[in-house]
Amino acid sequence: MTVYMVERDLPGITLEQLGGAQKSAIETSEKFTSQGKQVRYIRSTYIPGESRVMCLFEASSPQLVEEVNKAANIPFTRVVEAMDLTP
């Protein structure tokens, strides 16, 4: 599967709301996977000075990642293929 980065601009978001969004992304990904649509939430990085969040997902297509984020009701700017270079 391919790794995709979801870019988000979330001005005014609190850490509590950010945690809720992350929980929703994880739960929605798990729900999709249980329905046979393989997608996995990997992690998020928050840039507080810019109110930006980048989230990594593993999935078979960017459209599936978009579906997960729409179903989780988490706004996003775009979904792009990315390379996770974690050692």
C-alpha atoms as a PDB file:
ATOM      1  CA  MET A   1       0.000   0.000   0.000  1.00  0.00           C
ATOM      2  CA  THR A   2       1.018   3.598  -0.556  1.00  0.00           C
ATOM      3  CA  VAL A   3       1.490   6.315   2.054  1.00  0.00           C
ATOM      4  CA  TYR A   4      -0.537   9.495   1.603  1.00  0.00           C
ATOM      5  CA  MET A   5      -0.222  12.809   3.417  1.00  0.00           C
ATOM      6  CA  VAL A   6      -3.353  14.748   4.274  1.00  0.00           C
ATOM      7  CA  GLU A   7      -2.743  18.487   4.635  1.00  0.00           C
ATOM      8  CA  ARG A   8      -5.054  20.474   6.883  1.00  0.00           C
ATOM      9  CA  ASP A   9      -5.391  24.162   7.696  1.00  0.00           C
ATOM     10  CA  LEU A  10      -7.175  24.334  11.049  1.00  0.00           C
ATOM     11  CA  PRO A  11      -7.086  27.913  12.391  1.00  0.00           C
ATOM     12  CA  GLY A  12      -8.359  28.203  15.938  1.00  0.00           C
ATOM     13  CA  ILE A  13      -8.246  24.479  16.685  1.00  0.00           C
ATOM     14  CA  THR A  14      -7.594  23.541  20.311  1.00  0.00           C
ATOM     15  CA  LEU A  15      -5.442  20.638  21.428  1.00  0.00           C
ATOM     16  CA  GLU A  16      -8.599  18.945  22.714  1.00  0.00           C
ATOM     17  CA  GLN A  17     -10.260  19.278  19.298  1.00  0.00           C
ATOM     18  CA  LEU A  18      -7.085  18.076  17.607  1.00  0.00           C
ATOM     19  CA  GLY A  19      -7.067  14.986  19.820  1.00  0.00           C
ATOM     20  CA  GLY A  20     -10.709  14.355  18.964  1.00  0.00           C
ATOM     21  CA  ALA A  21      -9.982  14.643  15.258  1.00  0.00           C
ATOM     22  CA  GLN A  22      -7.100  12.203  15.574  1.00  0.00           C
ATOM     23  CA  LYS A  23      -9.299   9.726  17.452  1.00  0.00           C
ATOM     24  CA  SER A  24     -11.959  10.071  14.755  1.00  0.00           C
ATOM     25  CA  ALA A  25      -9.392   9.457  11.985  1.00  0.00           C
ATOM     26  CA  ILE A  26      -8.178   6.307  13.728  1.00  0.00           C
ATOM     27  CA  GLU A  27     -11.676   4.956  14.418  1.00  0.00           C
ATOM     28  CA  THR A  28     -12.953   5.733  10.917  1.00  0.00           C
ATOM     29  CA  SER A  29      -9.900   4.074   9.336  1.00  0.00           C
ATOM     30  CA  GLU A  30     -10.517   0.976  11.447  1.00  0.00           C
ATOM     31  CA  LYS A  31     -14.199   0.958  10.457  1.00  0.00           C
ATOM     32  CA  PHE A  32     -13.320   1.172   6.750  1.00  0.00           C
ATOM     33  CA  THR A  33     -10.781  -1.644   7.142  1.00  0.00           C
ATOM     34  CA  SER A  34     -13.379  -3.840   8.866  1.00  0.00           C
ATOM     35  CA  GLN A  35     -15.582  -3.251   5.809  1.00  0.00           C
ATOM     36  CA  GLY A  36     -12.836  -4.495   3.471  1.00  0.00           C
ATOM     37  CA  LYS A  37     -11.430  -1.066   2.504  1.00  0.00           C
ATOM     38  CA  GLN A  38      -7.808  -1.293   3.637  1.00  0.00           C
ATOM     39  CA  VAL A  39      -6.680   2.039   5.093  1.00  0.00           C
ATOM     40  CA  ARG A  40      -4.517   2.778   8.112  1.00  0.00           C
ATOM     41  CA  TYR A  41      -3.932   6.001  10.013  1.00  0.00           C
ATOM     42  CA  ILE A  42      -0.192   6.316  10.773  1.00  0.00           C
ATOM     43  CA  ARG A  43       0.338   9.608  12.622  1.00  0.00           C
ATOM     44  CA  SER A  44      -0.084  13.381  12.603  1.00  0.00           C
ATOM     45  CA  THR A  45       2.261  16.332  12.913  1.00  0.00           C
ATOM     46  CA  TYR A  46       0.909  19.661  14.181  1.00  0.00           C
ATOM     47  CA  ILE A  47       2.540  23.014  13.387  1.00  0.00           C
ATOM     48  CA  PRO A  48       0.971  25.345  15.981  1.00  0.00           C
ATOM     49  CA  GLY A  49       2.448  28.572  14.578  1.00  0.00           C
ATOM     50  CA  GLU A  50       0.702  27.941  11.262  1.00  0.00           C
ATOM     51  CA  SER A  51      -2.386  26.051  12.529  1.00  0.00           C
ATOM     52  CA  ARG A  52      -1.464  23.294  10.079  1.00  0.00           C
ATOM     53  CA  VAL A  53      -1.631  19.553  10.504  1.00  0.00           C
ATOM     54  CA  MET A  54      -0.143  16.865   8.297  1.00  0.00           C
ATOM     55  CA  CYS A  55      -1.494  13.342   8.730  1.00  0.00           C
ATOM     56  CA  LEU A  56      -0.103  10.168   7.209  1.00  0.00           C
ATOM     57  CA  PHE A  57      -2.318   7.320   6.059  1.00  0.00           C
ATOM     58  CA  GLU A  58      -1.536   4.073   4.298  1.00  0.00           C
ATOM     59  CA  ALA A  59      -4.084   3.049   1.656  1.00  0.00           C
ATOM     60  CA  SER A  60      -4.547   1.704  -1.850  1.00  0.00           C
ATOM     61  CA  SER A  61      -5.610   5.088  -3.278  1.00  0.00           C
ATOM     62  CA  PRO A  62      -5.851   8.778  -2.414  1.00  0.00           C
ATOM     63  CA  GLN A  63      -9.605   8.593  -2.990  1.00  0.00           C
ATOM     64  CA  LEU A  64      -9.929   6.105  -0.127  1.00  0.00           C
ATOM     65  CA  VAL A  65      -8.024   8.464   2.179  1.00  0.00           C
ATOM     66  CA  GLU A  66     -10.346  11.296   1.132  1.00  0.00           C
ATOM     67  CA  GLU A  67     -13.380   9.091   1.862  1.00  0.00           C
ATOM     68  CA  VAL A  68     -12.088   8.347   5.363  1.00  0.00           C
ATOM     69  CA  ASN A  69     -11.511  12.017   6.141  1.00  0.00           C
ATOM     70  CA  LYS A  70     -14.906  13.034   4.789  1.00  0.00           C
ATOM     71  CA  ALA A  71     -16.620  10.272   6.787  1.00  0.00           C
ATOM     72  CA  ALA A  72     -14.700  11.374   9.908  1.00  0.00           C
ATOM     73  CA  ASN A  73     -15.800  14.965   9.193  1.00  0.00           C
ATOM     74  CA  ILE A  74     -12.236  16.297   9.365  1.00  0.00           C
ATOM     75  CA  PRO A  75     -11.498  19.157   6.948  1.00  0.00           C
ATOM     76  CA  PHE A  76      -8.504  18.851   4.653  1.00  0.00           C
ATOM     77  CA  THR A  77      -6.823  20.882   1.936  1.00  0.00           C
ATOM     78  CA  ARG A  78      -5.396  18.059  -0.148  1.00  0.00           C
ATOM     79  CA  VAL A  79      -4.234  14.448  -0.186  1.00  0.00           C
ATOM     80  CA  VAL A  80      -0.888  13.662  -1.831  1.00  0.00           C
ATOM     81  CA  GLU A  81       1.360  10.635  -2.123  1.00  0.00           C
ATOM     82  CA  ALA A  82       4.233  10.825   0.356  1.00  0.00           C
ATOM     83  CA  MET A  83       7.237   8.832   1.484  1.00  0.00           C
ATOM     84  CA  ASP A  84       7.507   8.069   5.189  1.00  0.00           C
ATOM     85  CA  LEU A  85      11.242   8.047   5.910  1.00  0.00           C
ATOM     86  CA  THR A  86      11.007   6.996   9.569  1.00  0.00           C
ATOM     87  CA  PRO A  87      14.058   4.817  10.342  1.00  0.00           C
END
